[in-house]
Amino acid sequence: MGFADQSVWRVTGGNFFDFVYSTVASTANGVTSVELVSLGIVTLMLTPYFRVIAAAFYYGIEKDWKYVAITTFVFAVITTALFVF
């Protein structure tokens, strides 16, 4: 089965979180080349997202409230961008 033979391309419509859900849900039926590429995209896109979450928790544990505020702002910007685009 070639790359062009895939029946559904999941990169159109919806926001990024819809894309993540549809990609993860589609792997229950088996992983094709499109799902593998999609999982790679999801991993690359979510890496900085989870890094910001981890940084906010770390700064909260350290009680560095200035950096908690900055990191929370960055988290809000990234989340908004993933919902809009």
N, C-alpha and C. Protein backbone atom coordinates (compact mmCIF):
# COMPACT_ATOMS: atom_id res chain seq x y z
N MET A 1 0.84 -1.17 0.00
CA MET A 1 0.00 0.00 0.00
C MET A 1 0.89 1.24 0.00
N GLY A 2 0.71 2.07 -0.97
CA GLY A 2 1.52 3.26 -1.08
C GLY A 2 0.99 4.40 -0.24
N PHE A 3 1.78 5.44 -0.16
CA PHE A 3 1.42 6.61 0.63
C PHE A 3 0.20 7.31 0.05
N ALA A 4 0.03 7.32 -1.25
CA ALA A 4 -1.11 7.98 -1.89
C ALA A 4 -2.38 7.15 -1.78
N ASP A 5 -2.26 5.89 -1.40
CA ASP A 5 -3.42 5.02 -1.30
C ASP A 5 -4.20 5.18 0.01
N GLN A 6 -3.70 6.01 0.91
CA GLN A 6 -4.38 6.16 2.20
C GLN A 6 -5.75 6.81 2.00
N SER A 7 -6.73 6.33 2.72
CA SER A 7 -8.11 6.77 2.50
C SER A 7 -8.42 8.10 3.15
N VAL A 8 -7.76 8.43 4.26
CA VAL A 8 -8.12 9.65 4.99
C VAL A 8 -6.85 10.42 5.34
N TRP A 9 -6.86 11.68 5.00
CA TRP A 9 -5.81 12.59 5.46
C TRP A 9 -6.38 13.41 6.59
N ARG A 10 -5.80 13.35 7.75
CA ARG A 10 -6.35 13.98 8.94
C ARG A 10 -5.81 15.38 9.21
N VAL A 11 -5.13 15.98 8.29
CA VAL A 11 -4.52 17.28 8.54
C VAL A 11 -5.41 18.43 8.07
N THR A 12 -6.62 18.17 7.65
CA THR A 12 -7.50 19.23 7.20
C THR A 12 -8.62 19.44 8.21
N GLY A 13 -8.95 20.70 8.45
CA GLY A 13 -10.07 21.04 9.33
C GLY A 13 -9.77 20.81 10.79
N GLY A 14 -10.52 21.47 11.64
CA GLY A 14 -10.38 21.30 13.08
C GLY A 14 -9.14 21.97 13.62
N ASN A 15 -8.98 21.89 14.92
CA ASN A 15 -7.78 22.45 15.54
C ASN A 15 -6.78 21.33 15.82
N PHE A 16 -5.68 21.69 16.45
CA PHE A 16 -4.62 20.73 16.68
C PHE A 16 -5.05 19.61 17.62
N PHE A 17 -5.85 19.94 18.63
CA PHE A 17 -6.28 18.93 19.58
C PHE A 17 -7.23 17.92 18.94
N ASP A 18 -8.03 18.35 17.96
CA ASP A 18 -8.83 17.41 17.17
C ASP A 18 -7.93 16.49 16.36
N PHE A 19 -6.87 17.05 15.82
CA PHE A 19 -5.90 16.27 15.06
C PHE A 19 -5.23 15.22 15.95
N VAL A 20 -4.85 15.62 17.17
CA VAL A 20 -4.23 14.68 18.10
C VAL A 20 -5.19 13.55 18.43
N TYR A 21 -6.43 13.90 18.75
CA TYR A 21 -7.43 12.88 19.11
C TYR A 21 -7.67 11.92 17.94
N SER A 22 -7.86 12.45 16.75
CA SER A 22 -8.13 11.57 15.61
C SER A 22 -6.93 10.69 15.27
N THR A 23 -5.72 11.21 15.45
CA THR A 23 -4.52 10.42 15.17
C THR A 23 -4.37 9.29 16.17
N VAL A 24 -4.54 9.59 17.45
CA VAL A 24 -4.40 8.56 18.48
C VAL A 24 -5.52 7.53 18.36
N ALA A 25 -6.74 7.99 18.08
CA ALA A 25 -7.86 7.07 17.94
C ALA A 25 -7.69 6.16 16.73
N SER A 26 -7.10 6.66 15.66
CA SER A 26 -6.96 5.86 14.44
C SER A 26 -5.90 4.77 14.59
N THR A 27 -5.00 4.90 15.55
CA THR A 27 -3.98 3.87 15.72
C THR A 27 -4.55 2.61 16.35
N ALA A 28 -5.79 2.64 16.85
CA ALA A 28 -6.41 1.44 17.41
C ALA A 28 -6.66 0.40 16.33
N ASN A 29 -6.82 0.85 15.09
CA ASN A 29 -7.07 -0.07 13.97
C ASN A 29 -5.80 -0.56 13.32
N GLY A 30 -4.66 -0.12 13.78
CA GLY A 30 -3.39 -0.47 13.18
C GLY A 30 -2.69 0.78 12.68
N VAL A 31 -1.40 0.71 12.61
CA VAL A 31 -0.61 1.88 12.24
C VAL A 31 -0.20 1.77 10.78
N THR A 32 -0.63 2.74 9.99
CA THR A 32 -0.21 2.82 8.60
C THR A 32 0.85 3.92 8.49
N SER A 33 1.33 4.14 7.29
CA SER A 33 2.36 5.16 7.11
C SER A 33 1.84 6.55 7.45
N VAL A 34 0.59 6.84 7.16
CA VAL A 34 0.02 8.15 7.47
C VAL A 34 -0.09 8.34 8.98
N GLU A 35 -0.55 7.30 9.70
CA GLU A 35 -0.63 7.40 11.15
C GLU A 35 0.75 7.56 11.78
N LEU A 36 1.74 6.89 11.23
CA LEU A 36 3.09 7.01 11.76
C LEU A 36 3.63 8.42 11.59
N VAL A 37 3.43 9.00 10.43
CA VAL A 37 3.86 10.38 10.20
C VAL A 37 3.06 11.34 11.09
N SER A 38 1.76 11.09 11.22
CA SER A 38 0.92 11.93 12.07
C SER A 38 1.35 11.85 13.53
N LEU A 39 1.69 10.66 14.00
CA LEU A 39 2.17 10.53 15.38
C LEU A 39 3.49 11.27 15.58
N GLY A 40 4.34 11.28 14.57
CA GLY A 40 5.57 12.05 14.65
C GLY A 40 5.30 13.54 14.74
N ILE A 41 4.35 14.02 13.96
CA ILE A 41 3.98 15.44 14.01
C ILE A 41 3.40 15.79 15.38
N VAL A 42 2.53 14.92 15.89
CA VAL A 42 1.94 15.15 17.21
C VAL A 42 3.03 15.21 18.28
N THR A 43 3.97 14.29 18.23
CA THR A 43 5.06 14.27 19.21
C THR A 43 5.89 15.54 19.14
N LEU A 44 6.24 15.95 17.94
CA LEU A 44 7.05 17.15 17.79
C LEU A 44 6.30 18.41 18.24
N MET A 45 5.01 18.47 17.98
CA MET A 45 4.23 19.65 18.36
C MET A 45 3.97 19.69 19.87
N LEU A 46 3.79 18.54 20.51
CA LEU A 46 3.47 18.53 21.93
C LEU A 46 4.70 18.62 22.84
N THR A 47 5.89 18.41 22.30
CA THR A 47 7.10 18.48 23.12
C THR A 47 7.27 19.84 23.79
N PRO A 48 7.23 20.97 23.06
CA PRO A 48 7.36 22.25 23.76
C PRO A 48 6.16 22.55 24.67
N TYR A 49 4.99 22.05 24.30
CA TYR A 49 3.79 22.26 25.11
C TYR A 49 3.98 21.63 26.50
N PHE A 50 4.42 20.37 26.54
CA PHE A 50 4.64 19.71 27.82
C PHE A 50 5.86 20.26 28.55
N ARG A 51 6.80 20.78 27.82
CA ARG A 51 7.98 21.40 28.44
C ARG A 51 7.57 22.65 29.20
N VAL A 52 6.65 23.42 28.66
CA VAL A 52 6.16 24.63 29.35
C VAL A 52 5.37 24.24 30.59
N ILE A 53 4.57 23.19 30.51
CA ILE A 53 3.83 22.72 31.67
C ILE A 53 4.79 22.28 32.78
N ALA A 54 5.83 21.53 32.42
CA ALA A 54 6.81 21.08 33.39
C ALA A 54 7.55 22.26 34.01
N ALA A 55 7.87 23.26 33.21
CA ALA A 55 8.56 24.44 33.73
C ALA A 55 7.68 25.20 34.72
N ALA A 56 6.39 25.32 34.42
CA ALA A 56 5.47 26.01 35.34
C ALA A 56 5.40 25.28 36.67
N PHE A 57 5.30 23.95 36.64
CA PHE A 57 5.29 23.17 37.88
C PHE A 57 6.61 23.34 38.65
N TYR A 58 7.71 23.30 37.93
CA TYR A 58 9.02 23.45 38.58
C TYR A 58 9.13 24.82 39.26
N TYR A 59 8.78 25.87 38.55
CA TYR A 59 8.86 27.21 39.15
C TYR A 59 7.88 27.36 40.30
N GLY A 60 6.74 26.67 40.24
CA GLY A 60 5.81 26.70 41.36
C GLY A 60 6.37 26.01 42.59
N ILE A 61 7.04 24.89 42.38
CA ILE A 61 7.67 24.18 43.50
C ILE A 61 8.77 25.04 44.11
N GLU A 62 9.52 25.74 43.26
CA GLU A 62 10.60 26.61 43.73
C GLU A 62 10.08 27.94 44.28
N LYS A 63 8.77 28.18 44.15
CA LYS A 63 8.11 29.41 44.59
C LYS A 63 8.71 30.67 43.95
N ASP A 64 9.04 30.53 42.68
CA ASP A 64 9.53 31.67 41.89
C ASP A 64 8.34 32.20 41.08
N TRP A 65 7.55 33.06 41.71
CA TRP A 65 6.26 33.46 41.18
C TRP A 65 6.36 34.29 39.91
N LYS A 66 7.46 35.02 39.75
CA LYS A 66 7.63 35.79 38.51
C LYS A 66 7.72 34.85 37.30
N TYR A 67 8.49 33.79 37.43
CA TYR A 67 8.63 32.85 36.32
C TYR A 67 7.40 31.96 36.15
N VAL A 68 6.67 31.74 37.24
CA VAL A 68 5.39 31.03 37.11
C VAL A 68 4.45 31.85 36.25
N ALA A 69 4.40 33.17 36.49
CA ALA A 69 3.53 34.05 35.71
C ALA A 69 3.95 34.09 34.24
N ILE A 70 5.24 34.20 34.00
CA ILE A 70 5.75 34.25 32.62
C ILE A 70 5.45 32.93 31.90
N THR A 71 5.72 31.81 32.57
CA THR A 71 5.50 30.51 31.97
C THR A 71 4.02 30.24 31.74
N THR A 72 3.17 30.70 32.65
CA THR A 72 1.73 30.56 32.46
C THR A 72 1.26 31.37 31.26
N PHE A 73 1.82 32.56 31.08
CA PHE A 73 1.49 33.36 29.91
C PHE A 73 1.91 32.65 28.63
N VAL A 74 3.11 32.09 28.61
CA VAL A 74 3.58 31.35 27.44
C VAL A 74 2.69 30.14 27.18
N PHE A 75 2.28 29.45 28.24
CA PHE A 75 1.37 28.32 28.11
C PHE A 75 0.05 28.76 27.48
N ALA A 76 -0.49 29.89 27.92
CA ALA A 76 -1.74 30.40 27.36
C ALA A 76 -1.59 30.75 25.88
N VAL A 77 -0.47 31.33 25.51
CA VAL A 77 -0.23 31.68 24.10
C VAL A 77 -0.13 30.42 23.24
N ILE A 78 0.61 29.43 23.71
CA ILE A 78 0.76 28.19 22.94
C ILE A 78 -0.58 27.47 22.82
N THR A 79 -1.34 27.42 23.91
CA THR A 79 -2.65 26.76 23.88
C THR A 79 -3.59 27.47 22.90
N THR A 80 -3.60 28.80 22.95
CA THR A 80 -4.44 29.55 22.02
C THR A 80 -4.03 29.30 20.58
N ALA A 81 -2.73 29.27 20.33
CA ALA A 81 -2.25 29.02 18.97
C ALA A 81 -2.64 27.63 18.48
N LEU A 82 -2.59 26.64 19.37
CA LEU A 82 -2.95 25.27 18.96
C LEU A 82 -4.46 25.14 18.73
N PHE A 83 -5.26 25.93 19.43
CA PHE A 83 -6.71 25.88 19.19
C PHE A 83 -7.08 26.62 17.91
N VAL A 84 -6.41 27.73 17.64
CA VAL A 84 -6.77 28.56 16.49
C VAL A 84 -6.25 27.96 15.19
N PHE A 85 -5.01 27.49 15.20
CA PHE A 85 -4.41 27.02 13.96
C PHE A 85 -4.52 25.56 13.89
